[in-house]
Amino acid sequence: MTLLGPVEVRALAEKLGIRPTKKLGQNFVIDGGTVRRIVRVAEVTPEDVVIEIGPGLGSLTLALLPEVARVVAVEIDPALAAQLPLTVAQMDAEHAGRLTVVHADALKVAPDDLRTGPGEVAPAPGGQDRSETPAALPTALVANLPYNVSVPVLLHLLEILPSLRRGLVMVQAEVADRLAAAPGSRIYGVPSLKAAWYADVRRAGPVGRNVFWPAPNVDSGLVSLVRRDPPETSATREEVFAVVDAAFAQRRKTLRAALASWAGTAAAAEEALVRAGVQPSARGEQLGIVDFARIAENRPRP
């Protein structure tokens, strides 16, 4: 497996006239050991279709391609999107056919966008003619997410791609802690709860600053996600998330007070909380996603 190192990354950036920008959250991985570790911890299989967000110059992409059925790389930067297939063809021609590059904003990408490409070629019954079959949607997310939009991108992908069964993402260490935080923690909040709607989330290790170019001024961490069914509830995801947002918009207030505008009045909020089996004097950071689903179910109806 040939990977990009510091020399190759800087040479590619110079060739393209690219200076990494904070606006796009660009910090390119220059350490082969780190991308190998990510692929190993992600536990991808030869059957997986992996979606990678922000592939940049291709460091992680090159590590993924030999291990999976297909990589769908979503890149917002047009120069990087155009260069990635060329880099892969040069450095790993054997697996270049497994790559699909989608030039798009990951916050706006839709499932049909991710079917771009020739699709899998499957043998016909009896092993005779081979014919095109539709490209499968991604089954795993493995990415060094742009730090400025990491949580919105992650939640968007979990929402639009029920096909995603697991993921491993690299994010700012503080964000990793928040995503994996449990009820009762001071850093537990909206990202923790919304991610928990979709998956079991845990920290999967730290990442040093020196594996990037340019080196960020923050630490990074890996977050592992394993898809599970959302809570059984008659409330919709949007209704549950509305309660979560309201509860943490005024984090220090009791739920009776914090949910007053959501329910219409503080008394109506208290009524909903009591019916849901939640103490009105509790605070949002004490509750799990199942509790918020019960509250949403018991919202007073006009």
C-alpha atoms as a PDB file:
ATOM      1  CA  MET A   1       0.000   0.000   0.000  1.00  0.00           C
ATOM      2  CA  THR A   2       1.506   3.321  -1.113  1.00  0.00           C
ATOM      3  CA  LEU A   3       0.414   6.263   1.027  1.00  0.00           C
ATOM      4  CA  LEU A   4       0.956   9.996   1.020  1.00  0.00           C
ATOM      5  CA  GLY A   5       3.652  11.315   3.322  1.00  0.00           C
ATOM      6  CA  PRO A   6       4.680  14.884   4.201  1.00  0.00           C
ATOM      7  CA  VAL A   7       6.698  15.321   1.001  1.00  0.00           C
ATOM      8  CA  GLU A   8       3.938  14.079  -1.292  1.00  0.00           C
ATOM      9  CA  VAL A   9       1.228  16.101   0.464  1.00  0.00           C
ATOM     10  CA  ARG A  10       3.168  19.346   0.207  1.00  0.00           C
ATOM     11  CA  ALA A  11       4.115  18.632  -3.415  1.00  0.00           C
ATOM     12  CA  LEU A  12       0.484  18.018  -4.376  1.00  0.00           C
ATOM     13  CA  ALA A  13      -0.654  21.161  -2.568  1.00  0.00           C
ATOM     14  CA  GLU A  14       2.021  23.194  -4.344  1.00  0.00           C
ATOM     15  CA  LYS A  15       1.080  21.682  -7.713  1.00  0.00           C
ATOM     16  CA  LEU A  16      -2.552  22.687  -7.185  1.00  0.00           C
ATOM     17  CA  GLY A  17      -1.727  26.063  -5.692  1.00  0.00           C
ATOM     18  CA  ILE A  18      -3.631  25.087  -2.565  1.00  0.00           C
ATOM     19  CA  ARG A  19      -3.089  26.739   0.773  1.00  0.00           C
ATOM     20  CA  PRO A  20      -5.135  24.953   3.450  1.00  0.00           C
ATOM     21  CA  THR A  21      -7.963  27.199   4.667  1.00  0.00           C
ATOM     22  CA  LYS A  22      -9.659  27.444   8.039  1.00  0.00           C
ATOM     23  CA  LYS A  23     -12.909  28.289   6.227  1.00  0.00           C
ATOM     24  CA  LEU A  24     -13.061  24.779   4.759  1.00  0.00           C
ATOM     25  CA  GLY A  25     -11.549  23.185   7.858  1.00  0.00           C
ATOM     26  CA  GLN A  26      -8.612  21.854   5.860  1.00  0.00           C
ATOM     27  CA  ASN A  27      -5.846  20.059   7.752  1.00  0.00           C
ATOM     28  CA  PHE A  28      -4.264  17.337   5.642  1.00  0.00           C
ATOM     29  CA  VAL A  29      -3.076  14.101   7.281  1.00  0.00           C
ATOM     30  CA  ILE A  30       0.587  13.443   6.497  1.00  0.00           C
ATOM     31  CA  ASP A  31       1.202  10.362   8.654  1.00  0.00           C
ATOM     32  CA  GLY A  32       0.708   6.921   7.139  1.00  0.00           C
ATOM     33  CA  GLY A  33       0.527   5.246  10.527  1.00  0.00           C
ATOM     34  CA  THR A  34      -2.465   7.379  11.479  1.00  0.00           C
ATOM     35  CA  VAL A  35      -4.534   6.509   8.394  1.00  0.00           C
ATOM     36  CA  ARG A  36      -3.691   2.813   8.787  1.00  0.00           C
ATOM     37  CA  ARG A  37      -4.851   3.031  12.391  1.00  0.00           C
ATOM     38  CA  ILE A  38      -8.112   4.702  11.366  1.00  0.00           C
ATOM     39  CA  VAL A  39      -8.870   1.986   8.814  1.00  0.00           C
ATOM     40  CA  ARG A  40      -8.047  -0.719  11.363  1.00  0.00           C
ATOM     41  CA  VAL A  41     -10.176   0.784  14.146  1.00  0.00           C
ATOM     42  CA  ALA A  42     -13.054   1.403  11.697  1.00  0.00           C
ATOM     43  CA  GLU A  43     -13.277  -2.375  11.155  1.00  0.00           C
ATOM     44  CA  VAL A  44     -14.368  -1.998   7.544  1.00  0.00           C
ATOM     45  CA  THR A  45     -14.776  -5.128   5.453  1.00  0.00           C
ATOM     46  CA  PRO A  46     -14.384  -5.987   1.744  1.00  0.00           C
ATOM     47  CA  GLU A  47     -18.186  -5.725   1.450  1.00  0.00           C
ATOM     48  CA  ASP A  48     -18.407  -2.169   2.751  1.00  0.00           C
ATOM     49  CA  VAL A  49     -19.177   0.914   0.691  1.00  0.00           C
ATOM     50  CA  VAL A  50     -17.461   3.711   2.598  1.00  0.00           C
ATOM     51  CA  ILE A  51     -18.395   7.367   2.443  1.00  0.00           C
ATOM     52  CA  GLU A  52     -15.487   9.693   3.143  1.00  0.00           C
ATOM     53  CA  ILE A  53     -16.158  13.386   3.721  1.00  0.00           C
ATOM     54  CA  GLY A  54     -13.438  15.887   2.895  1.00  0.00           C
ATOM     55  CA  PRO A  55     -10.858  13.487   1.430  1.00  0.00           C
ATOM     56  CA  GLY A  56      -8.537  16.396   0.682  1.00  0.00           C
ATOM     57  CA  LEU A  57      -5.425  15.170  -1.088  1.00  0.00           C
ATOM     58  CA  GLY A  58      -6.278  11.493  -0.543  1.00  0.00           C
ATOM     59  CA  SER A  59      -4.274  10.316   2.480  1.00  0.00           C
ATOM     60  CA  LEU A  60      -7.122   8.328   4.046  1.00  0.00           C
ATOM     61  CA  THR A  61      -8.690   7.451   0.692  1.00  0.00           C
ATOM     62  CA  LEU A  62      -5.567   5.545  -0.379  1.00  0.00           C
ATOM     63  CA  ALA A  63      -5.591   3.564   2.877  1.00  0.00           C
ATOM     64  CA  LEU A  64      -9.278   2.665   2.505  1.00  0.00           C
ATOM     65  CA  LEU A  65      -9.431   1.576  -1.139  1.00  0.00           C
ATOM     66  CA  PRO A  66      -7.639  -1.792  -0.828  1.00  0.00           C
ATOM     67  CA  GLU A  67      -9.822  -2.785   2.126  1.00  0.00           C
ATOM     68  CA  VAL A  68     -13.380  -2.069   0.924  1.00  0.00           C
ATOM     69  CA  ALA A  69     -15.703  -2.565  -2.033  1.00  0.00           C
ATOM     70  CA  ARG A  70     -15.977   1.117  -2.869  1.00  0.00           C
ATOM     71  CA  VAL A  71     -15.154   4.565  -1.507  1.00  0.00           C
ATOM     72  CA  VAL A  72     -17.484   7.489  -2.197  1.00  0.00           C
ATOM     73  CA  ALA A  73     -15.437  10.605  -1.494  1.00  0.00           C
ATOM     74  CA  VAL A  74     -17.410  13.837  -1.063  1.00  0.00           C
ATOM     75  CA  GLU A  75     -15.238  16.910  -1.613  1.00  0.00           C
ATOM     76  CA  ILE A  76     -16.416  20.534  -1.710  1.00  0.00           C
ATOM     77  CA  ASP A  77     -13.167  21.980  -3.102  1.00  0.00           C
ATOM     78  CA  PRO A  78     -13.249  21.703  -6.930  1.00  0.00           C
ATOM     79  CA  ALA A  79      -9.462  21.508  -7.325  1.00  0.00           C
ATOM     80  CA  LEU A  80      -9.181  18.725  -4.764  1.00  0.00           C
ATOM     81  CA  ALA A  81     -12.153  16.854  -6.236  1.00  0.00           C
ATOM     82  CA  ALA A  82     -10.577  16.943  -9.691  1.00  0.00           C
ATOM     83  CA  GLN A  83      -7.138  15.867  -8.465  1.00  0.00           C
ATOM     84  CA  LEU A  84      -8.157  12.941  -6.252  1.00  0.00           C
ATOM     85  CA  PRO A  85      -8.872  10.403  -9.053  1.00  0.00           C
ATOM     86  CA  LEU A  86      -5.558  11.334 -10.686  1.00  0.00           C
ATOM     87  CA  THR A  87      -3.642  10.807  -7.446  1.00  0.00           C
ATOM     88  CA  VAL A  88      -5.297   7.444  -6.834  1.00  0.00           C
ATOM     89  CA  ALA A  89      -4.695   6.304 -10.425  1.00  0.00           C
ATOM     90  CA  GLN A  90      -1.019   7.169 -10.049  1.00  0.00           C
ATOM     91  CA  MET A  91      -0.457   5.672  -6.612  1.00  0.00           C
ATOM     92  CA  ASP A  92      -2.849   2.702  -6.600  1.00  0.00           C
ATOM     93  CA  ALA A  93      -3.989   1.886 -10.126  1.00  0.00           C
ATOM     94  CA  GLU A  94      -5.110  -1.580  -9.001  1.00  0.00           C
ATOM     95  CA  HIS A  95      -7.897  -0.144  -6.846  1.00  0.00           C
ATOM     96  CA  ALA A  96      -8.623   3.117  -8.660  1.00  0.00           C
ATOM     97  CA  GLY A  97     -11.867   1.705 -10.065  1.00  0.00           C
ATOM     98  CA  ARG A  98     -13.284   1.506  -6.557  1.00  0.00           C
ATOM     99  CA  LEU A  99     -13.295   5.284  -6.135  1.00  0.00           C
ATOM    100  CA  THR A 100     -16.218   7.587  -6.802  1.00  0.00           C
ATOM    101  CA  VAL A 101     -15.654  11.307  -6.230  1.00  0.00           C
ATOM    102  CA  VAL A 102     -18.658  13.522  -5.598  1.00  0.00           C
ATOM    103  CA  HIS A 103     -17.994  17.254  -5.864  1.00  0.00           C
ATOM    104  CA  ALA A 104     -20.550  18.567  -3.385  1.00  0.00           C
ATOM    105  CA  ASP A 105     -21.176  20.209  -0.045  1.00  0.00           C
ATOM    106  CA  ALA A 106     -21.556  17.376   2.475  1.00  0.00           C
ATOM    107  CA  LEU A 107     -24.221  19.390   4.323  1.00  0.00           C
ATOM    108  CA  LYS A 108     -26.398  19.369   1.203  1.00  0.00           C
ATOM    109  CA  VAL A 109     -25.598  15.972  -0.287  1.00  0.00           C
ATOM    110  CA  ALA A 110     -28.549  13.624  -0.905  1.00  0.00           C
ATOM    111  CA  PRO A 111     -28.643   9.816  -1.198  1.00  0.00           C
ATOM    112  CA  ASP A 112     -29.001   9.894  -4.982  1.00  0.00           C
ATOM    113  CA  ASP A 113     -25.821  11.995  -5.226  1.00  0.00           C
ATOM    114  CA  LEU A 114     -23.942   9.129  -3.618  1.00  0.00           C
ATOM    115  CA  ARG A 115     -25.005   6.632  -6.257  1.00  0.00           C
ATOM    116  CA  THR A 116     -22.842   8.502  -8.761  1.00  0.00           C
ATOM    117  CA  GLY A 117     -20.530   6.271 -10.734  1.00  0.00           C
ATOM    118  CA  PRO A 118     -20.678   3.062 -12.727  1.00  0.00           C
ATOM    119  CA  GLY A 119     -21.986   0.945  -9.862  1.00  0.00           C
ATOM    120  CA  GLU A 120     -21.057  -2.614  -9.012  1.00  0.00           C
ATOM    121  CA  VAL A 121     -20.672  -5.080 -11.863  1.00  0.00           C
ATOM    122  CA  ALA A 122     -22.328  -8.359 -10.926  1.00  0.00           C
ATOM    123  CA  PRO A 123     -22.282 -11.730 -12.736  1.00  0.00           C
ATOM    124  CA  ALA A 124     -25.572 -12.829 -14.273  1.00  0.00           C
ATOM    125  CA  PRO A 125     -27.148 -16.112 -13.104  1.00  0.00           C
ATOM    126  CA  GLY A 126     -25.123 -19.033 -14.408  1.00  0.00           C
ATOM    127  CA  GLY A 127     -21.973 -16.954 -14.593  1.00  0.00           C
ATOM    128  CA  GLN A 128     -22.594 -15.808 -18.142  1.00  0.00           C
ATOM    129  CA  ASP A 129     -22.968 -12.156 -19.145  1.00  0.00           C
ATOM    130  CA  ARG A 130     -22.111  -9.470 -16.630  1.00  0.00           C
ATOM    131  CA  SER A 131     -24.403  -6.475 -16.285  1.00  0.00           C
ATOM    132  CA  GLU A 132     -24.523  -3.208 -14.412  1.00  0.00           C
ATOM    133  CA  THR A 133     -26.414  -3.049 -11.128  1.00  0.00           C
ATOM    134  CA  PRO A 134     -27.211   0.138  -9.221  1.00  0.00           C
ATOM    135  CA  ALA A 135     -24.475   1.414  -6.960  1.00  0.00           C
ATOM    136  CA  ALA A 136     -25.121   0.551  -3.334  1.00  0.00           C
ATOM    137  CA  LEU A 137     -25.489   3.315  -0.790  1.00  0.00           C
ATOM    138  CA  PRO A 138     -22.711   3.684   1.798  1.00  0.00           C
ATOM    139  CA  THR A 139     -22.646   1.217   4.673  1.00  0.00           C
ATOM    140  CA  ALA A 140     -19.847   2.880   6.667  1.00  0.00           C
ATOM    141  CA  LEU A 141     -18.602   6.396   7.319  1.00  0.00           C
ATOM    142  CA  VAL A 142     -14.853   6.851   7.722  1.00  0.00           C
ATOM    143  CA  ALA A 143     -13.602  10.408   7.589  1.00  0.00           C
ATOM    144  CA  ASN A 144     -11.439  13.187   8.911  1.00  0.00           C
ATOM    145  CA  LEU A 145     -14.393  15.551   9.152  1.00  0.00           C
ATOM    146  CA  PRO A 146     -13.874  19.280   8.528  1.00  0.00           C
ATOM    147  CA  TYR A 147     -13.763  20.573  12.098  1.00  0.00           C
ATOM    148  CA  ASN A 148     -15.896  23.671  11.510  1.00  0.00           C
ATOM    149  CA  VAL A 149     -18.937  21.618  10.403  1.00  0.00           C
ATOM    150  CA  SER A 150     -18.244  18.194  11.904  1.00  0.00           C
ATOM    151  CA  VAL A 151     -21.391  17.782  14.008  1.00  0.00           C
ATOM    152  CA  PRO A 152     -23.888  19.106  11.395  1.00  0.00           C
ATOM    153  CA  VAL A 153     -22.293  16.898   8.716  1.00  0.00           C
ATOM    154  CA  LEU A 154     -22.360  13.825  10.932  1.00  0.00           C
ATOM    155  CA  LEU A 155     -26.015  14.300  11.910  1.00  0.00           C
ATOM    156  CA  HIS A 156     -27.007  15.021   8.298  1.00  0.00           C
ATOM    157  CA  LEU A 157     -25.416  11.801   7.066  1.00  0.00           C
ATOM    158  CA  LEU A 158     -26.969   9.712   9.829  1.00  0.00           C
ATOM    159  CA  GLU A 159     -30.350  11.186   8.920  1.00  0.00           C
ATOM    160  CA  ILE A 160     -30.238  10.684   5.148  1.00  0.00           C
ATOM    161  CA  LEU A 161     -28.387   7.349   5.084  1.00  0.00           C
ATOM    162  CA  PRO A 162     -30.126   4.632   7.103  1.00  0.00           C
ATOM    163  CA  SER A 163     -27.777   2.315   5.200  1.00  0.00           C
ATOM    164  CA  LEU A 164     -24.883   3.491   7.396  1.00  0.00           C
ATOM    165  CA  ARG A 165     -24.325   0.771   9.956  1.00  0.00           C
ATOM    166  CA  ARG A 166     -21.203   2.160  11.587  1.00  0.00           C
ATOM    167  CA  GLY A 167     -18.688   4.949  11.408  1.00  0.00           C
ATOM    168  CA  LEU A 168     -15.354   6.207  12.625  1.00  0.00           C
ATOM    169  CA  VAL A 169     -14.723   9.929  12.393  1.00  0.00           C
ATOM    170  CA  MET A 170     -11.847  12.155  13.396  1.00  0.00           C
ATOM    171  CA  VAL A 171     -12.986  15.434  14.938  1.00  0.00           C
ATOM    172  CA  GLN A 172     -11.740  18.087  17.335  1.00  0.00           C
ATOM    173  CA  ALA A 173     -11.092  16.437  20.715  1.00  0.00           C
ATOM    174  CA  GLU A 174     -13.626  18.640  22.493  1.00  0.00           C
ATOM    175  CA  VAL A 175     -16.286  17.678  19.947  1.00  0.00           C
ATOM    176  CA  ALA A 176     -15.400  14.002  20.327  1.00  0.00           C
ATOM    177  CA  ASP A 177     -15.911  14.311  24.078  1.00  0.00           C
ATOM    178  CA  ARG A 178     -19.276  16.003  23.604  1.00  0.00           C
ATOM    179  CA  LEU A 179     -20.524  13.443  21.089  1.00  0.00           C
ATOM    180  CA  ALA A 180     -19.643  10.547  23.384  1.00  0.00           C
ATOM    181  CA  ALA A 181     -20.670  12.195  26.689  1.00  0.00           C
ATOM    182  CA  ALA A 182     -23.156  10.422  28.956  1.00  0.00           C
ATOM    183  CA  PRO A 183     -26.044  11.973  30.934  1.00  0.00           C
ATOM    184  CA  GLY A 184     -24.830  13.815  34.008  1.00  0.00           C
ATOM    185  CA  SER A 185     -21.626  15.043  32.404  1.00  0.00           C
ATOM    186  CA  ARG A 186     -21.034  18.792  32.255  1.00  0.00           C
ATOM    187  CA  ILE A 187     -20.229  18.475  28.531  1.00  0.00           C
ATOM    188  CA  TYR A 188     -23.310  16.384  27.760  1.00  0.00           C
ATOM    189  CA  GLY A 189     -25.726  18.247  25.531  1.00  0.00           C
ATOM    190  CA  VAL A 190     -27.362  18.603  22.129  1.00  0.00           C
ATOM    191  CA  PRO A 191     -24.676  16.795  20.064  1.00  0.00           C
ATOM    192  CA  SER A 192     -24.600  13.905  22.562  1.00  0.00           C
ATOM    193  CA  LEU A 193     -28.362  13.446  22.472  1.00  0.00           C
ATOM    194  CA  LYS A 194     -28.883  13.839  18.734  1.00  0.00           C
ATOM    195  CA  ALA A 195     -26.080  11.397  17.942  1.00  0.00           C
ATOM    196  CA  ALA A 196     -27.576   8.974  20.493  1.00  0.00           C
ATOM    197  CA  TRP A 197     -30.856   8.998  18.541  1.00  0.00           C
ATOM    198  CA  TYR A 198     -29.055   7.171  15.741  1.00  0.00           C
ATOM    199  CA  ALA A 199     -26.193   5.243  17.254  1.00  0.00           C
ATOM    200  CA  ASP A 200     -24.146   4.048  20.190  1.00  0.00           C
ATOM    201  CA  VAL A 201     -21.281   6.532  20.341  1.00  0.00           C
ATOM    202  CA  ARG A 202     -17.923   6.169  22.081  1.00  0.00           C
ATOM    203  CA  ARG A 203     -14.451   7.687  22.068  1.00  0.00           C
ATOM    204  CA  ALA A 204     -11.999   5.567  20.095  1.00  0.00           C
ATOM    205  CA  GLY A 205      -8.706   7.243  20.968  1.00  0.00           C
ATOM    206  CA  PRO A 206      -6.724  10.490  20.645  1.00  0.00           C
ATOM    207  CA  VAL A 207      -4.897  11.840  17.583  1.00  0.00           C
ATOM    208  CA  GLY A 208      -1.810  14.032  17.889  1.00  0.00           C
ATOM    209  CA  ARG A 209      -1.472  17.431  16.251  1.00  0.00           C
ATOM    210  CA  ASN A 210       1.716  16.591  14.366  1.00  0.00           C
ATOM    211  CA  VAL A 211       0.030  14.096  12.022  1.00  0.00           C
ATOM    212  CA  PHE A 212      -1.525  17.057  10.177  1.00  0.00           C
ATOM    213  CA  TRP A 213      -0.292  19.730   7.814  1.00  0.00           C
ATOM    214  CA  PRO A 214      -0.728  22.411   8.831  1.00  0.00           C
ATOM    215  CA  ALA A 215      -0.765  21.306  12.464  1.00  0.00           C
ATOM    216  CA  PRO A 216      -4.030  22.527  14.055  1.00  0.00           C
ATOM    217  CA  ASN A 217      -3.985  24.451  17.308  1.00  0.00           C
ATOM    218  CA  VAL A 218      -6.409  21.951  18.862  1.00  0.00           C
ATOM    219  CA  ASP A 219      -6.196  18.279  19.750  1.00  0.00           C
ATOM    220  CA  SER A 220      -8.161  15.693  17.778  1.00  0.00           C
ATOM    221  CA  GLY A 221      -9.930  12.471  18.618  1.00  0.00           C
ATOM    222  CA  LEU A 222     -11.605   9.470  17.043  1.00  0.00           C
ATOM    223  CA  VAL A 223     -15.290   8.747  17.579  1.00  0.00           C
ATOM    224  CA  SER A 224     -16.855   5.366  16.858  1.00  0.00           C
ATOM    225  CA  LEU A 225     -20.545   5.017  15.994  1.00  0.00           C
ATOM    226  CA  VAL A 226     -22.589   1.821  15.736  1.00  0.00           C
ATOM    227  CA  ARG A 227     -26.088   2.263  14.332  1.00  0.00           C
ATOM    228  CA  ARG A 228     -29.026   1.162  16.443  1.00  0.00           C
ATOM    229  CA  ASP A 229     -32.747   1.689  16.239  1.00  0.00           C
ATOM    230  CA  PRO A 230     -34.044   4.994  17.606  1.00  0.00           C
ATOM    231  CA  PRO A 231     -36.218   4.917  20.730  1.00  0.00           C
ATOM    232  CA  GLU A 232     -39.668   3.429  20.290  1.00  0.00           C
ATOM    233  CA  THR A 233     -41.921   6.463  20.344  1.00  0.00           C
ATOM    234  CA  SER A 234     -44.960   7.935  18.667  1.00  0.00           C
ATOM    235  CA  ALA A 235     -43.108  11.258  18.390  1.00  0.00           C
ATOM    236  CA  THR A 236     -41.124  12.058  15.263  1.00  0.00           C
ATOM    237  CA  ARG A 237     -37.401  12.690  15.263  1.00  0.00           C
ATOM    238  CA  GLU A 238     -38.095  16.366  14.576  1.00  0.00           C
ATOM    239  CA  GLU A 239     -40.427  16.568  17.584  1.00  0.00           C
ATOM    240  CA  VAL A 240     -37.886  14.914  19.884  1.00  0.00           C
ATOM    241  CA  PHE A 241     -35.060  17.131  18.655  1.00  0.00           C
ATOM    242  CA  ALA A 242     -37.233  20.215  19.254  1.00  0.00           C
ATOM    243  CA  VAL A 243     -37.470  19.252  22.927  1.00  0.00           C
ATOM    244  CA  VAL A 244     -33.718  18.692  23.115  1.00  0.00           C
ATOM    245  CA  ASP A 245     -33.018  22.089  21.562  1.00  0.00           C
ATOM    246  CA  ALA A 246     -35.422  23.824  23.924  1.00  0.00           C
ATOM    247  CA  ALA A 247     -34.008  22.089  27.008  1.00  0.00           C
ATOM    248  CA  PHE A 248     -30.433  23.145  26.246  1.00  0.00           C
ATOM    249  CA  ALA A 249     -31.175  26.633  24.961  1.00  0.00           C
ATOM    250  CA  GLN A 250     -31.384  27.527  28.647  1.00  0.00           C
ATOM    251  CA  ARG A 251     -29.181  24.815  30.069  1.00  0.00           C
ATOM    252  CA  ARG A 252     -29.060  26.052  33.647  1.00  0.00           C
ATOM    253  CA  LYS A 253     -32.817  26.285  34.048  1.00  0.00           C
ATOM    254  CA  THR A 254     -35.027  23.485  35.260  1.00  0.00           C
ATOM    255  CA  LEU A 255     -36.930  21.680  32.534  1.00  0.00           C
ATOM    256  CA  ARG A 256     -40.164  23.237  33.767  1.00  0.00           C
ATOM    257  CA  ALA A 257     -38.748  26.672  32.961  1.00  0.00           C
ATOM    258  CA  ALA A 258     -36.634  25.728  29.937  1.00  0.00           C
ATOM    259  CA  LEU A 259     -39.546  24.013  28.168  1.00  0.00           C
ATOM    260  CA  ALA A 260     -42.117  26.724  28.884  1.00  0.00           C
ATOM    261  CA  SER A 261     -41.955  28.248  25.401  1.00  0.00           C
ATOM    262  CA  TRP A 262     -41.965  24.784  23.800  1.00  0.00           C
ATOM    263  CA  ALA A 263     -45.071  23.714  25.715  1.00  0.00           C
ATOM    264  CA  GLY A 264     -46.793  27.118  25.707  1.00  0.00           C
ATOM    265  CA  THR A 265     -46.501  27.828  29.426  1.00  0.00           C
ATOM    266  CA  ALA A 266     -44.449  26.625  32.370  1.00  0.00           C
ATOM    267  CA  ALA A 267     -47.531  24.868  33.748  1.00  0.00           C
ATOM    268  CA  ALA A 268     -48.059  23.035  30.452  1.00  0.00           C
ATOM    269  CA  ALA A 269     -44.387  22.021  30.462  1.00  0.00           C
ATOM    270  CA  GLU A 270     -44.739  20.660  33.978  1.00  0.00           C
ATOM    271  CA  GLU A 271     -47.810  18.683  32.940  1.00  0.00           C
ATOM    272  CA  ALA A 272     -45.927  17.124  30.007  1.00  0.00           C
ATOM    273  CA  LEU A 273     -42.951  16.281  32.213  1.00  0.00           C
ATOM    274  CA  VAL A 274     -45.073  14.645  34.892  1.00  0.00           C
ATOM    275  CA  ARG A 275     -46.896  12.542  32.295  1.00  0.00           C
ATOM    276  CA  ALA A 276     -43.516  11.504  30.894  1.00  0.00           C
ATOM    277  CA  GLY A 277     -42.301  10.446  34.330  1.00  0.00           C
ATOM    278  CA  VAL A 278     -39.695  13.219  34.546  1.00  0.00           C
ATOM    279  CA  GLN A 279     -39.222  15.497  37.544  1.00  0.00           C
ATOM    280  CA  PRO A 280     -40.062  19.099  36.494  1.00  0.00           C
ATOM    281  CA  SER A 281     -37.114  20.275  38.625  1.00  0.00           C
ATOM    282  CA  ALA A 282     -34.664  18.141  36.620  1.00  0.00           C
ATOM    283  CA  ARG A 283     -32.297  19.643  34.033  1.00  0.00           C
ATOM    284  CA  GLY A 284     -31.726  18.493  30.501  1.00  0.00           C
ATOM    285  CA  GLU A 285     -28.233  17.192  31.188  1.00  0.00           C
ATOM    286  CA  GLN A 286     -29.703  14.530  33.486  1.00  0.00           C
ATOM    287  CA  LEU A 287     -31.864  12.868  30.820  1.00  0.00           C
ATOM    288  CA  GLY A 288     -31.202  10.358  28.052  1.00  0.00           C
ATOM    289  CA  ILE A 289     -32.676  10.339  24.574  1.00  0.00           C
ATOM    290  CA  VAL A 290     -35.467   7.953  25.658  1.00  0.00           C
ATOM    291  CA  ASP A 291     -36.562  10.489  28.293  1.00  0.00           C
ATOM    292  CA  PHE A 292     -36.737  13.241  25.688  1.00  0.00           C
ATOM    293  CA  ALA A 293     -38.771  10.984  23.416  1.00  0.00           C
ATOM    294  CA  ARG A 294     -41.292  10.457  26.221  1.00  0.00           C
ATOM    295  CA  ILE A 295     -41.505  14.203  26.841  1.00  0.00           C
ATOM    296  CA  ALA A 296     -42.137  14.829  23.148  1.00  0.00           C
ATOM    297  CA  GLU A 297     -44.908  12.241  23.171  1.00  0.00           C
ATOM    298  CA  ASN A 298     -46.635  14.087  26.000  1.00  0.00           C
ATOM    299  CA  ARG A 299     -46.532  17.602  24.618  1.00  0.00           C
ATOM    300  CA  PRO A 300     -49.855  19.350  25.297  1.00  0.00           C
ATOM    301  CA  ARG A 301     -51.980  19.485  22.161  1.00  0.00           C
ATOM    302  CA  PRO A 302     -53.832  22.690  21.230  1.00  0.00           C
END
